[in-house]
Amino acid sequence: MITVSDKAKEKVEKLKRESNIDDSFRLRASVAGGGCSGLSYKLDFDDEVKPMDQEFEDKGVKVVVDMKSFLYLAGTELDFSDGLNGKGFFFNNPNASRTCGCGDSFSV
């Protein structure tokens, strides 16, 4: 499962409102090769669910993940920070053995 913090939920809802994105869209979390540590996180809004996608809902936020990415993201919490040390979404990923300084990439 992928969970969503209260701050991330607020930010997702705000982004959807500002961009006029309706409830048919889900938050798509994925992992791609690249970044300082070898793998990087990606977030998008998507209105398509593919046959092998894993779907989750936490705090009213619908999250969809392709099966390959789910292997890296299982048990992850999506959070959001608006502090002075960095602003944006970040992943609390228990599967990551190492992360880069900015938190945008990781390795297992």
N, C-alpha and C. Protein backbone atom coordinates (compact mmCIF):
# COMPACT_ATOMS: atom_id res chain seq x y z
N MET A 1 0.84 -1.19 0.00
CA MET A 1 0.00 0.00 0.00
C MET A 1 0.88 1.25 0.00
N ILE A 2 0.37 2.29 -0.57
CA ILE A 2 1.02 3.60 -0.53
C ILE A 2 0.08 4.51 0.26
N THR A 3 0.63 5.18 1.26
CA THR A 3 -0.17 6.07 2.09
C THR A 3 0.15 7.52 1.77
N VAL A 4 -0.72 8.41 2.24
CA VAL A 4 -0.61 9.84 1.95
C VAL A 4 -0.73 10.60 3.26
N SER A 5 0.22 11.48 3.54
CA SER A 5 0.15 12.29 4.76
C SER A 5 -0.94 13.36 4.60
N ASP A 6 -1.32 13.95 5.73
CA ASP A 6 -2.33 15.02 5.69
C ASP A 6 -1.86 16.20 4.85
N LYS A 7 -0.58 16.58 4.97
CA LYS A 7 -0.05 17.71 4.20
C LYS A 7 -0.05 17.40 2.70
N ALA A 8 0.30 16.16 2.34
CA ALA A 8 0.30 15.78 0.92
C ALA A 8 -1.12 15.79 0.38
N LYS A 9 -2.07 15.32 1.18
CA LYS A 9 -3.48 15.33 0.75
C LYS A 9 -3.93 16.76 0.46
N GLU A 10 -3.63 17.68 1.37
CA GLU A 10 -4.02 19.09 1.17
C GLU A 10 -3.42 19.65 -0.11
N LYS A 11 -2.15 19.35 -0.37
CA LYS A 11 -1.48 19.88 -1.56
C LYS A 11 -2.06 19.26 -2.83
N VAL A 12 -2.32 17.95 -2.83
CA VAL A 12 -2.92 17.29 -4.00
C VAL A 12 -4.27 17.92 -4.31
N GLU A 13 -5.11 18.10 -3.29
CA GLU A 13 -6.43 18.71 -3.49
C GLU A 13 -6.30 20.13 -4.03
N LYS A 14 -5.35 20.89 -3.51
CA LYS A 14 -5.13 22.27 -3.98
C LYS A 14 -4.69 22.28 -5.45
N LEU A 15 -3.77 21.40 -5.81
CA LEU A 15 -3.30 21.34 -7.20
C LEU A 15 -4.44 20.95 -8.15
N LYS A 16 -5.27 20.02 -7.72
CA LYS A 16 -6.41 19.61 -8.56
C LYS A 16 -7.38 20.77 -8.76
N ARG A 17 -7.66 21.51 -7.68
CA ARG A 17 -8.57 22.67 -7.79
C ARG A 17 -7.99 23.73 -8.72
N GLU A 18 -6.71 24.07 -8.52
CA GLU A 18 -6.07 25.13 -9.30
C GLU A 18 -5.98 24.76 -10.79
N SER A 19 -5.88 23.48 -11.08
CA SER A 19 -5.73 23.03 -12.47
C SER A 19 -7.03 22.52 -13.06
N ASN A 20 -8.13 22.68 -12.33
CA ASN A 20 -9.45 22.20 -12.78
C ASN A 20 -9.42 20.73 -13.17
N ILE A 21 -8.79 19.91 -12.33
CA ILE A 21 -8.72 18.47 -12.55
C ILE A 21 -9.84 17.82 -11.75
N ASP A 22 -10.66 17.03 -12.43
CA ASP A 22 -11.81 16.43 -11.74
C ASP A 22 -11.43 15.13 -11.04
N ASP A 23 -12.41 14.53 -10.38
CA ASP A 23 -12.16 13.35 -9.56
C ASP A 23 -11.91 12.08 -10.37
N SER A 24 -12.04 12.14 -11.69
CA SER A 24 -11.72 10.95 -12.49
C SER A 24 -10.20 10.75 -12.58
N PHE A 25 -9.44 11.77 -12.22
CA PHE A 25 -7.97 11.67 -12.25
C PHE A 25 -7.45 11.15 -10.92
N ARG A 26 -6.44 10.31 -11.02
CA ARG A 26 -5.76 9.77 -9.85
C ARG A 26 -4.33 10.30 -9.85
N LEU A 27 -3.70 10.20 -8.71
CA LEU A 27 -2.29 10.55 -8.60
C LEU A 27 -1.49 9.31 -9.01
N ARG A 28 -0.68 9.43 -10.05
CA ARG A 28 0.14 8.31 -10.50
C ARG A 28 1.55 8.49 -9.96
N ALA A 29 1.98 7.52 -9.14
CA ALA A 29 3.34 7.50 -8.61
C ALA A 29 4.11 6.45 -9.38
N SER A 30 5.33 6.79 -9.76
CA SER A 30 6.14 5.82 -10.49
C SER A 30 7.62 6.02 -10.19
N VAL A 31 8.40 5.05 -10.63
CA VAL A 31 9.84 5.07 -10.45
C VAL A 31 10.47 4.93 -11.83
N ALA A 32 11.50 5.72 -12.10
CA ALA A 32 12.22 5.65 -13.37
C ALA A 32 13.72 5.63 -13.09
N GLY A 33 14.47 5.09 -14.01
CA GLY A 33 15.92 5.11 -13.88
C GLY A 33 16.43 6.53 -14.02
N GLY A 34 17.45 6.87 -13.22
CA GLY A 34 18.04 8.20 -13.32
C GLY A 34 18.21 8.83 -11.95
N GLY A 35 18.70 10.03 -11.93
CA GLY A 35 18.93 10.73 -10.68
C GLY A 35 20.28 10.38 -10.08
N CYS A 36 20.65 11.06 -9.03
CA CYS A 36 21.96 10.89 -8.38
C CYS A 36 22.17 9.48 -7.86
N SER A 37 21.10 8.84 -7.37
CA SER A 37 21.23 7.55 -6.71
C SER A 37 20.81 6.37 -7.58
N GLY A 38 20.37 6.63 -8.81
CA GLY A 38 20.05 5.54 -9.72
C GLY A 38 18.59 5.40 -10.08
N LEU A 39 17.67 5.72 -9.15
CA LEU A 39 16.24 5.65 -9.42
C LEU A 39 15.61 6.96 -8.96
N SER A 40 14.64 7.44 -9.71
CA SER A 40 13.99 8.69 -9.32
C SER A 40 12.48 8.52 -9.27
N TYR A 41 11.86 9.33 -8.44
CA TYR A 41 10.41 9.32 -8.26
C TYR A 41 9.74 10.23 -9.28
N LYS A 42 8.51 9.87 -9.63
CA LYS A 42 7.75 10.70 -10.55
C LYS A 42 6.30 10.73 -10.08
N LEU A 43 5.66 11.90 -10.13
CA LEU A 43 4.25 12.06 -9.80
C LEU A 43 3.54 12.80 -10.92
N ASP A 44 2.36 12.31 -11.28
CA ASP A 44 1.53 12.94 -12.30
C ASP A 44 0.08 12.71 -11.94
N PHE A 45 -0.81 13.44 -12.59
CA PHE A 45 -2.23 13.11 -12.54
C PHE A 45 -2.54 12.30 -13.78
N ASP A 46 -3.37 11.27 -13.63
CA ASP A 46 -3.67 10.37 -14.74
C ASP A 46 -5.13 9.92 -14.64
N ASP A 47 -5.84 9.94 -15.76
CA ASP A 47 -7.23 9.48 -15.75
C ASP A 47 -7.37 8.07 -16.31
N GLU A 48 -6.25 7.41 -16.57
CA GLU A 48 -6.28 6.06 -17.12
C GLU A 48 -5.68 5.08 -16.11
N VAL A 49 -6.36 3.96 -15.92
CA VAL A 49 -5.85 2.88 -15.10
C VAL A 49 -5.58 1.70 -16.02
N LYS A 50 -4.35 1.25 -16.04
CA LYS A 50 -3.97 0.14 -16.91
C LYS A 50 -4.22 -1.19 -16.20
N PRO A 51 -4.35 -2.28 -16.96
CA PRO A 51 -4.73 -3.57 -16.37
C PRO A 51 -3.84 -4.05 -15.22
N MET A 52 -2.55 -3.81 -15.25
CA MET A 52 -1.66 -4.31 -14.20
C MET A 52 -1.36 -3.27 -13.11
N ASP A 53 -2.03 -2.12 -13.16
CA ASP A 53 -1.82 -1.09 -12.15
C ASP A 53 -2.36 -1.53 -10.79
N GLN A 54 -1.69 -1.06 -9.76
CA GLN A 54 -2.16 -1.24 -8.39
C GLN A 54 -2.84 0.06 -7.97
N GLU A 55 -4.03 -0.02 -7.41
CA GLU A 55 -4.77 1.16 -6.99
C GLU A 55 -4.92 1.19 -5.48
N PHE A 56 -4.75 2.38 -4.91
CA PHE A 56 -4.88 2.58 -3.48
C PHE A 56 -5.65 3.86 -3.23
N GLU A 57 -6.28 3.95 -2.09
CA GLU A 57 -6.91 5.20 -1.68
C GLU A 57 -6.61 5.41 -0.21
N ASP A 58 -6.08 6.56 0.11
CA ASP A 58 -5.78 6.92 1.49
C ASP A 58 -6.18 8.36 1.72
N LYS A 59 -6.98 8.59 2.74
CA LYS A 59 -7.46 9.93 3.08
C LYS A 59 -8.19 10.59 1.91
N GLY A 60 -8.82 9.78 1.07
CA GLY A 60 -9.57 10.30 -0.06
C GLY A 60 -8.74 10.56 -1.30
N VAL A 61 -7.44 10.34 -1.23
CA VAL A 61 -6.56 10.52 -2.39
C VAL A 61 -6.39 9.16 -3.07
N LYS A 62 -6.75 9.11 -4.35
CA LYS A 62 -6.59 7.88 -5.12
C LYS A 62 -5.22 7.88 -5.76
N VAL A 63 -4.47 6.80 -5.51
CA VAL A 63 -3.11 6.66 -6.02
C VAL A 63 -3.06 5.41 -6.88
N VAL A 64 -2.44 5.52 -8.03
CA VAL A 64 -2.26 4.37 -8.92
C VAL A 64 -0.76 4.22 -9.21
N VAL A 65 -0.31 2.96 -9.25
CA VAL A 65 1.11 2.66 -9.44
C VAL A 65 1.22 1.47 -10.37
N ASP A 66 2.12 1.56 -11.37
CA ASP A 66 2.34 0.39 -12.23
C ASP A 66 3.07 -0.68 -11.42
N MET A 67 2.93 -1.92 -11.83
CA MET A 67 3.45 -3.05 -11.05
C MET A 67 4.96 -2.97 -10.84
N LYS A 68 5.72 -2.56 -11.86
CA LYS A 68 7.17 -2.47 -11.72
C LYS A 68 7.55 -1.44 -10.65
N SER A 69 6.90 -0.27 -10.68
CA SER A 69 7.19 0.76 -9.69
C SER A 69 6.75 0.34 -8.30
N PHE A 70 5.65 -0.41 -8.23
CA PHE A 70 5.14 -0.83 -6.92
C PHE A 70 6.16 -1.69 -6.17
N LEU A 71 6.96 -2.45 -6.90
CA LEU A 71 7.99 -3.26 -6.25
C LEU A 71 8.95 -2.38 -5.45
N TYR A 72 9.18 -1.15 -5.90
CA TYR A 72 10.06 -0.21 -5.20
C TYR A 72 9.32 0.66 -4.18
N LEU A 73 8.01 0.82 -4.38
CA LEU A 73 7.25 1.79 -3.57
C LEU A 73 6.35 1.17 -2.50
N ALA A 74 6.27 -0.14 -2.41
CA ALA A 74 5.40 -0.79 -1.42
C ALA A 74 5.74 -0.28 -0.02
N GLY A 75 4.73 0.16 0.70
CA GLY A 75 4.94 0.65 2.07
C GLY A 75 5.36 2.10 2.17
N THR A 76 5.42 2.80 1.06
CA THR A 76 5.89 4.19 1.02
C THR A 76 4.78 5.16 1.44
N GLU A 77 5.18 6.23 2.11
CA GLU A 77 4.26 7.32 2.42
C GLU A 77 4.65 8.53 1.58
N LEU A 78 3.64 9.11 0.91
CA LEU A 78 3.84 10.36 0.18
C LEU A 78 3.59 11.49 1.15
N ASP A 79 4.55 12.41 1.22
CA ASP A 79 4.43 13.54 2.14
C ASP A 79 4.71 14.82 1.37
N PHE A 80 4.48 15.96 2.03
CA PHE A 80 4.74 17.26 1.41
C PHE A 80 5.36 18.17 2.45
N SER A 81 6.36 18.92 2.02
CA SER A 81 7.02 19.88 2.90
C SER A 81 6.98 21.25 2.25
N ASP A 82 6.68 22.26 3.06
CA ASP A 82 6.76 23.64 2.56
C ASP A 82 7.70 24.45 3.44
N GLY A 83 8.66 23.76 4.04
CA GLY A 83 9.62 24.39 4.94
C GLY A 83 10.75 25.09 4.22
N LEU A 84 11.62 25.68 4.99
CA LEU A 84 12.74 26.43 4.45
C LEU A 84 13.81 25.54 3.83
N ASN A 85 13.88 24.28 4.25
CA ASN A 85 14.91 23.38 3.75
C ASN A 85 14.50 22.66 2.47
N GLY A 86 13.41 23.03 1.91
CA GLY A 86 12.97 22.39 0.67
C GLY A 86 11.46 22.35 0.61
N LYS A 87 10.94 22.55 -0.56
CA LYS A 87 9.51 22.60 -0.75
C LYS A 87 9.14 21.57 -1.80
N GLY A 88 8.11 20.79 -1.52
CA GLY A 88 7.62 19.85 -2.50
C GLY A 88 7.25 18.51 -1.90
N PHE A 89 6.81 17.63 -2.78
CA PHE A 89 6.47 16.28 -2.38
C PHE A 89 7.74 15.48 -2.14
N PHE A 90 7.68 14.57 -1.18
CA PHE A 90 8.78 13.65 -0.98
C PHE A 90 8.22 12.30 -0.53
N PHE A 91 9.01 11.27 -0.70
CA PHE A 91 8.60 9.91 -0.43
C PHE A 91 9.36 9.38 0.78
N ASN A 92 8.62 8.90 1.78
CA ASN A 92 9.21 8.18 2.90
C ASN A 92 9.17 6.70 2.52
N ASN A 93 10.26 6.24 1.92
CA ASN A 93 10.30 4.92 1.31
C ASN A 93 11.14 3.96 2.16
N PRO A 94 10.50 2.97 2.78
CA PRO A 94 11.24 2.03 3.61
C PRO A 94 12.13 1.08 2.80
N ASN A 95 11.94 1.04 1.49
CA ASN A 95 12.73 0.16 0.62
C ASN A 95 14.03 0.80 0.16
N ALA A 96 14.18 2.09 0.34
CA ALA A 96 15.37 2.81 -0.13
C ALA A 96 16.53 2.57 0.83
N SER A 97 17.63 2.10 0.29
CA SER A 97 18.82 1.91 1.12
C SER A 97 19.67 3.17 1.16
N ARG A 98 19.48 4.03 0.15
CA ARG A 98 20.25 5.27 0.07
C ARG A 98 19.43 6.28 -0.71
N THR A 99 19.46 7.54 -0.29
CA THR A 99 18.79 8.60 -1.02
C THR A 99 19.79 9.73 -1.27
N CYS A 100 19.52 10.51 -2.29
CA CYS A 100 20.40 11.65 -2.57
C CYS A 100 20.04 12.79 -1.62
N GLY A 101 20.82 13.82 -1.61
CA GLY A 101 20.62 14.95 -0.71
C GLY A 101 19.31 15.67 -0.92
N CYS A 102 18.84 15.73 -2.15
CA CYS A 102 17.59 16.44 -2.43
C CYS A 102 16.37 15.56 -2.21
N GLY A 103 16.55 14.24 -2.08
CA GLY A 103 15.44 13.33 -1.84
C GLY A 103 14.67 12.94 -3.07
N ASP A 104 15.13 13.37 -4.25
CA ASP A 104 14.42 13.05 -5.49
C ASP A 104 14.81 11.70 -6.08
N SER A 105 15.90 11.14 -5.61
CA SER A 105 16.31 9.83 -6.14
C SER A 105 16.78 8.93 -5.02
N PHE A 106 16.84 7.62 -5.32
CA PHE A 106 17.17 6.64 -4.30
C PHE A 106 17.75 5.40 -4.95
N SER A 107 18.25 4.51 -4.12
CA SER A 107 18.69 3.19 -4.58
C SER A 107 18.19 2.17 -3.57
N VAL A 108 18.13 0.93 -4.02
CA VAL A 108 17.67 -0.16 -3.14
C VAL A 108 18.79 -1.16 -2.94
